[in-house]
C-alpha atoms as a PDB file:
ATOM      1  CA  MET A   1     -25.986   9.480   3.515  1.00  0.00           C
ATOM      2  CA  ASP A   2     -26.693   6.384   1.480  1.00  0.00           C
ATOM      3  CA  GLU A   3     -29.405   6.817  -1.152  1.00  0.00           C
ATOM      4  CA  PRO A   4     -31.304   9.430   0.912  1.00  0.00           C
ATOM      5  CA  THR A   5     -33.977   9.989  -1.743  1.00  0.00           C
ATOM      6  CA  ASN A   6     -35.013   6.376  -2.320  1.00  0.00           C
ATOM      7  CA  HIS A   7     -38.367   6.598  -0.515  1.00  0.00           C
ATOM      8  CA  LEU A   8     -39.061  10.331  -0.762  1.00  0.00           C
ATOM      9  CA  ASP A   9     -41.612  12.139  -2.890  1.00  0.00           C
ATOM     10  CA  MET A  10     -40.620  15.170  -4.992  1.00  0.00           C
ATOM     11  CA  MET A  11     -41.479  17.726  -2.296  1.00  0.00           C
ATOM     12  CA  SER A  12     -39.561  15.824   0.401  1.00  0.00           C
ATOM     13  CA  LYS A  13     -36.533  15.520  -1.903  1.00  0.00           C
ATOM     14  CA  ASP A  14     -36.613  19.268  -2.504  1.00  0.00           C
ATOM     15  CA  ILE A  15     -36.826  20.027   1.234  1.00  0.00           C
ATOM     16  CA  LEU A  16     -33.955  17.631   1.969  1.00  0.00           C
ATOM     17  CA  LYS A  17     -31.810  19.131  -0.805  1.00  0.00           C
ATOM     18  CA  ARG A  18     -32.356  22.703   0.491  1.00  0.00           C
ATOM     19  CA  ALA A  19     -31.529  21.596   4.037  1.00  0.00           C
ATOM     20  CA  LEU A  20     -28.322  19.941   2.872  1.00  0.00           C
ATOM     21  CA  LYS A  21     -27.321  23.019   0.848  1.00  0.00           C
ATOM     22  CA  ASP A  22     -27.785  25.164   3.970  1.00  0.00           C
ATOM     23  CA  TYR A  23     -25.765  22.757   6.091  1.00  0.00           C
ATOM     24  CA  ASP A  24     -22.376  24.277   6.952  1.00  0.00           C
ATOM     25  CA  GLY A  25     -20.354  21.092   7.094  1.00  0.00           C
ATOM     26  CA  SER A  26     -19.129  18.242   4.974  1.00  0.00           C
ATOM     27  CA  LEU A  27     -21.373  15.529   3.643  1.00  0.00           C
ATOM     28  CA  ILE A  28     -20.830  12.250   1.919  1.00  0.00           C
ATOM     29  CA  VAL A  29     -23.837  11.403  -0.203  1.00  0.00           C
ATOM     30  CA  VAL A  30     -24.254   8.169  -2.114  1.00  0.00           C
ATOM     31  CA  SER A  31     -26.988   8.519  -4.693  1.00  0.00           C
ATOM     32  CA  HIS A  32     -27.993   7.703  -8.242  1.00  0.00           C
ATOM     33  CA  ASP A  33     -30.537  10.528  -8.289  1.00  0.00           C
ATOM     34  CA  ARG A  34     -28.971  12.967 -10.757  1.00  0.00           C
ATOM     35  CA  ASP A  35     -31.571  15.721 -10.122  1.00  0.00           C
ATOM     36  CA  PHE A  36     -30.932  15.512  -6.402  1.00  0.00           C
ATOM     37  CA  LEU A  37     -27.152  15.689  -6.828  1.00  0.00           C
ATOM     38  CA  GLN A  38     -27.164  18.626  -9.292  1.00  0.00           C
ATOM     39  CA  GLY A  39     -25.914  21.746  -7.536  1.00  0.00           C
ATOM     40  CA  LEU A  40     -25.422  19.848  -4.285  1.00  0.00           C
ATOM     41  CA  THR A  41     -22.015  18.323  -4.834  1.00  0.00           C
ATOM     42  CA  GLU A  42     -18.584  19.900  -5.225  1.00  0.00           C
ATOM     43  CA  LYS A  43     -16.697  16.651  -5.726  1.00  0.00           C
ATOM     44  CA  VAL A  44     -17.693  13.281  -7.103  1.00  0.00           C
ATOM     45  CA  TYR A  45     -15.827  10.083  -6.277  1.00  0.00           C
ATOM     46  CA  GLU A  46     -16.117   7.092  -8.553  1.00  0.00           C
ATOM     47  CA  PHE A  47     -15.414   3.700  -7.015  1.00  0.00           C
ATOM     48  CA  LYS A  48     -14.565   1.240  -9.771  1.00  0.00           C
ATOM     49  CA  ASN A  49     -12.352  -1.830 -10.095  1.00  0.00           C
ATOM     50  CA  GLN A  50     -10.973  -1.394  -6.575  1.00  0.00           C
ATOM     51  CA  ASN A  51      -9.884   2.160  -7.413  1.00  0.00           C
ATOM     52  CA  ILE A  52     -11.167   5.588  -6.440  1.00  0.00           C
ATOM     53  CA  LYS A  53     -11.160   8.522  -8.852  1.00  0.00           C
ATOM     54  CA  GLU A  54     -11.972  12.073  -7.816  1.00  0.00           C
ATOM     55  CA  TYR A  55     -13.813  14.525 -10.083  1.00  0.00           C
ATOM     56  CA  ILE A  56     -13.853  18.173  -9.018  1.00  0.00           C
ATOM     57  CA  GLY A  57     -17.276  19.659  -9.698  1.00  0.00           C
ATOM     58  CA  ASP A  58     -20.830  18.448  -9.502  1.00  0.00           C
ATOM     59  CA  ILE A  59     -22.483  15.410 -11.024  1.00  0.00           C
ATOM     60  CA  ASN A  60     -22.690  17.066 -14.461  1.00  0.00           C
ATOM     61  CA  THR A  61     -18.908  17.549 -14.486  1.00  0.00           C
ATOM     62  CA  PHE A  62     -18.495  13.866 -13.695  1.00  0.00           C
ATOM     63  CA  LEU A  63     -20.844  12.791 -16.483  1.00  0.00           C
ATOM     64  CA  ASN A  64     -19.211  15.184 -18.982  1.00  0.00           C
ATOM     65  CA  LYS A  65     -15.713  13.914 -18.197  1.00  0.00           C
ATOM     66  CA  ARG A  66     -16.919  10.349 -18.573  1.00  0.00           C
ATOM     67  CA  GLU A  67     -18.692  11.418 -21.796  1.00  0.00           C
ATOM     68  CA  LEU A  68     -22.013  10.077 -20.557  1.00  0.00           C
ATOM     69  CA  ALA A  69     -25.506  11.496 -20.859  1.00  0.00           C
ATOM     70  CA  ASP A  70     -26.897   9.898 -17.691  1.00  0.00           C
ATOM     71  CA  PHE A  71     -26.475   7.171 -15.098  1.00  0.00           C
ATOM     72  CA  LYS A  72     -28.270   4.641 -17.279  1.00  0.00           C
ATOM     73  CA  GLN A  73     -25.528   4.978 -19.874  1.00  0.00           C
ATOM     74  CA  LEU A  74     -22.954   4.498 -17.102  1.00  0.00           C
ATOM     75  CA  GLU A  75     -24.679   1.322 -15.951  1.00  0.00           C
ATOM     76  CA  LYS A  76     -24.826   0.000 -19.537  1.00  0.00           C
ATOM     77  CA  SER A  77     -21.106   0.624 -20.067  1.00  0.00           C
ATOM     78  CA  GLU A  78     -20.309  -1.192 -16.822  1.00  0.00           C
ATOM     79  CA  LYS A  79     -22.439  -4.173 -17.839  1.00  0.00           C
ATOM     80  CA  GLN A  80     -20.590  -4.385 -21.148  1.00  0.00           C
ATOM     81  CA  GLU A  81     -17.206  -4.590 -19.430  1.00  0.00           C
ATOM     82  CA  PRO A  82     -15.949  -8.153 -19.349  1.00  0.00           C
ATOM     83  CA  LYS A  83     -16.499  -9.762 -15.976  1.00  0.00           C
ATOM     84  CA  LYS A  84     -13.884 -12.027 -14.448  1.00  0.00           C
ATOM     85  CA  ASP A  85     -15.153 -15.502 -14.004  1.00  0.00           C
ATOM     86  CA  LYS A  86     -15.111 -17.206 -10.607  1.00  0.00           C
ATOM     87  CA  LYS A  87     -12.125 -19.361 -11.488  1.00  0.00           C
ATOM     88  CA  GLN A  88     -10.083 -16.301 -12.489  1.00  0.00           C
ATOM     89  CA  GLU A  89     -11.078 -14.476  -9.295  1.00  0.00           C
ATOM     90  CA  GLN A  90     -10.145 -17.517  -7.207  1.00  0.00           C
ATOM     91  CA  LEU A  91      -6.828 -17.809  -9.029  1.00  0.00           C
ATOM     92  CA  THR A  92      -6.099 -14.126  -8.459  1.00  0.00           C
ATOM     93  CA  TYR A  93      -7.019 -14.512  -4.789  1.00  0.00           C
ATOM     94  CA  GLN A  94      -4.717 -17.516  -4.427  1.00  0.00           C
ATOM     95  CA  GLN A  95      -1.903 -15.689  -6.224  1.00  0.00           C
ATOM     96  CA  ASN A  96      -2.286 -12.661  -3.958  1.00  0.00           C
ATOM     97  CA  LYS A  97      -2.366 -14.895  -0.893  1.00  0.00           C
ATOM     98  CA  LYS A  98       0.819 -16.662  -2.019  1.00  0.00           C
ATOM     99  CA  LYS A  99       2.493 -13.335  -2.799  1.00  0.00           C
ATOM    100  CA  THR A 100       1.562 -11.980   0.639  1.00  0.00           C
ATOM    101  CA  ARG A 101       2.974 -15.100   2.282  1.00  0.00           C
ATOM    102  CA  GLU A 102       6.221 -14.746   0.307  1.00  0.00           C
ATOM    103  CA  LYS A 103       6.495 -11.066   1.247  1.00  0.00           C
ATOM    104  CA  ARG A 104       6.011 -11.865   4.932  1.00  0.00           C
ATOM    105  CA  LYS A 105       8.596 -14.632   4.723  1.00  0.00           C
ATOM    106  CA  LEU A 106      11.123 -12.301   3.079  1.00  0.00           C
ATOM    107  CA  GLN A 107      10.404  -9.527   5.582  1.00  0.00           C
ATOM    108  CA  ASN A 108      11.029 -11.945   8.470  1.00  0.00           C
ATOM    109  CA  ARG A 109      14.254 -13.110   6.854  1.00  0.00           C
ATOM    110  CA  ILE A 110      15.360  -9.484   6.368  1.00  0.00           C
ATOM    111  CA  SER A 111      14.603  -8.690   9.992  1.00  0.00           C
ATOM    112  CA  LYS A 112      16.690 -11.663  11.213  1.00  0.00           C
ATOM    113  CA  LEU A 113      19.554 -10.733   8.881  1.00  0.00           C
ATOM    114  CA  GLU A 114      19.507  -7.135  10.101  1.00  0.00           C
ATOM    115  CA  LYS A 115      19.770  -8.328  13.711  1.00  0.00           C
ATOM    116  CA  GLN A 116      22.673 -10.642  12.831  1.00  0.00           C
ATOM    117  CA  ILE A 117      24.441  -7.897  10.886  1.00  0.00           C
ATOM    118  CA  ASP A 118      23.938  -5.399  13.699  1.00  0.00           C
ATOM    119  CA  ALA A 119      25.327  -7.802  16.316  1.00  0.00           C
ATOM    120  CA  LEU A 120      28.346  -8.706  14.172  1.00  0.00           C
ATOM    121  CA  GLU A 121      29.049  -5.039  13.353  1.00  0.00           C
ATOM    122  CA  LYS A 122      28.998  -4.158  17.070  1.00  0.00           C
ATOM    123  CA  GLN A 123      31.367  -7.041  17.792  1.00  0.00           C
ATOM    124  CA  MET A 124      33.715  -5.940  14.995  1.00  0.00           C
ATOM    125  CA  LYS A 125      33.658  -2.298  16.188  1.00  0.00           C
ATOM    126  CA  GLN A 126      34.614  -3.431  19.671  1.00  0.00           C
ATOM    127  CA  LEU A 127      37.492  -5.484  18.290  1.00  0.00           C
ATOM    128  CA  ASP A 128      38.592  -2.554  16.091  1.00  0.00           C
ATOM    129  CA  LYS A 129      38.710  -0.315  19.173  1.00  0.00           C
ATOM    130  CA  GLN A 130      40.824  -2.874  20.968  1.00  0.00           C
ATOM    131  CA  LEU A 131      43.161  -3.220  17.985  1.00  0.00           C
ATOM    132  CA  ALA A 132      43.616   0.564  17.887  1.00  0.00           C
ATOM    133  CA  ASP A 133      44.959   0.491  21.445  1.00  0.00           C
ATOM    134  CA  ALA A 134      48.652  -0.539  21.398  1.00  0.00           C
ATOM    135  CA  ASN A 135      48.465  -2.527  24.651  1.00  0.00           C
ATOM    136  CA  GLN A 136      45.321  -4.364  23.572  1.00  0.00           C
ATOM    137  CA  PHE A 137      46.801  -5.003  20.121  1.00  0.00           C
ATOM    138  CA  GLN A 138      49.797  -6.822  21.586  1.00  0.00           C
ATOM    139  CA  LYS A 139      47.594  -8.847  23.892  1.00  0.00           C
ATOM    140  CA  LEU A 140      45.176  -9.825  21.077  1.00  0.00           C
ATOM    141  CA  SER A 141      47.929 -10.612  18.580  1.00  0.00           C
ATOM    142  CA  LYS A 142      49.315 -13.198  20.991  1.00  0.00           C
ATOM    143  CA  GLU A 143      45.966 -15.038  21.087  1.00  0.00           C
ATOM    144  CA  LYS A 144      45.938 -18.173  19.015  1.00  0.00           C
ATOM    145  CA  ASP A 145      44.004 -17.772  15.703  1.00  0.00           C
ATOM    146  CA  PHE A 146      42.776 -14.250  16.615  1.00  0.00           C
ATOM    147  CA  PHE A 147      43.432 -12.741  13.194  1.00  0.00           C
ATOM    148  CA  GLU A 148      41.967 -15.753  11.397  1.00  0.00           C
ATOM    149  CA  LYS A 149      38.784 -15.431  13.457  1.00  0.00           C
ATOM    150  CA  TYR A 150      38.760 -11.682  12.806  1.00  0.00           C
ATOM    151  CA  GLU A 151      39.028 -12.284   9.054  1.00  0.00           C
ATOM    152  CA  GLN A 152      36.301 -14.947   9.204  1.00  0.00           C
ATOM    153  CA  ASN A 153      33.995 -12.487  10.967  1.00  0.00           C
ATOM    154  CA  GLN A 154      34.639  -9.875   8.277  1.00  0.00           C
ATOM    155  CA  GLN A 155      33.840 -12.421   5.568  1.00  0.00           C
ATOM    156  CA  LYS A 156      30.722 -13.541   7.431  1.00  0.00           C
ATOM    157  CA  LEU A 157      29.612  -9.909   7.697  1.00  0.00           C
ATOM    158  CA  GLN A 158      30.118  -9.426   3.951  1.00  0.00           C
ATOM    159  CA  GLN A 159      28.133 -12.596   3.233  1.00  0.00           C
ATOM    160  CA  LEU A 160      25.285 -11.488   5.512  1.00  0.00           C
ATOM    161  CA  VAL A 161      25.163  -8.068   3.862  1.00  0.00           C
ATOM    162  CA  GLN A 162      25.152  -9.688   0.410  1.00  0.00           C
ATOM    163  CA  TYR A 163      22.379 -12.073   1.465  1.00  0.00           C
ATOM    164  CA  TRP A 164      20.426  -9.115   2.910  1.00  0.00           C
ATOM    165  CA  GLU A 165      20.799  -7.180  -0.372  1.00  0.00           C
ATOM    166  CA  ASN A 166      19.615 -10.185  -2.397  1.00  0.00           C
ATOM    167  CA  THR A 167      16.635 -10.701  -0.107  1.00  0.00           C
ATOM    168  CA  MET A 168      15.730  -6.993  -0.347  1.00  0.00           C
ATOM    169  CA  ALA A 169      15.886  -7.256  -4.142  1.00  0.00           C
ATOM    170  CA  GLN A 170      13.544 -10.276  -4.048  1.00  0.00           C
ATOM    171  CA  LEU A 171      11.118  -8.312  -1.868  1.00  0.00           C
ATOM    172  CA  GLU A 172      11.213  -5.346  -4.240  1.00  0.00           C
ATOM    173  CA  ARG A 173      10.441  -7.611  -7.195  1.00  0.00           C
ATOM    174  CA  LEU A 174       7.387  -8.960  -5.350  1.00  0.00           C
ATOM    175  CA  LYS A 175       6.095  -5.435  -4.720  1.00  0.00           C
ATOM    176  CA  VAL A 176       6.008  -4.640  -8.438  1.00  0.00           C
END
């Protein structure tokens, strides 16, 4: 319910409050009417600066923890907080957009590297199986440049893994 008491007289507010107290379910009530909220709420959520903070208890508990006498004092304290100017907000937006783009780029790169690593590891496992078989070993060892290619694949795998680790580290730094 969003500001349910805005257009109600005192008697109507009282009737609504009693009805809500008798209701055997959950309610989400958005209101600045302290009298209406007293004794009605069990939890208060404060939405501020893109964060949510939960206060267990009714509206008085919330005000006590915030060391406020009433909502007017809360509004005054919020007005006194320095506001970001439009240029700063735009800059922050652009920075976040750039950061998101970089993250996506790194995630795509990581995904491609993982596919390459997986394919190369499967290829190397297959070759290792063949090398473990004596008949296959003799056959493969007679192939021209087999062991050089095998060594190159191992080095390529190490390079891919190193590149993957570096890219993961870059992604982690962006998340902080």
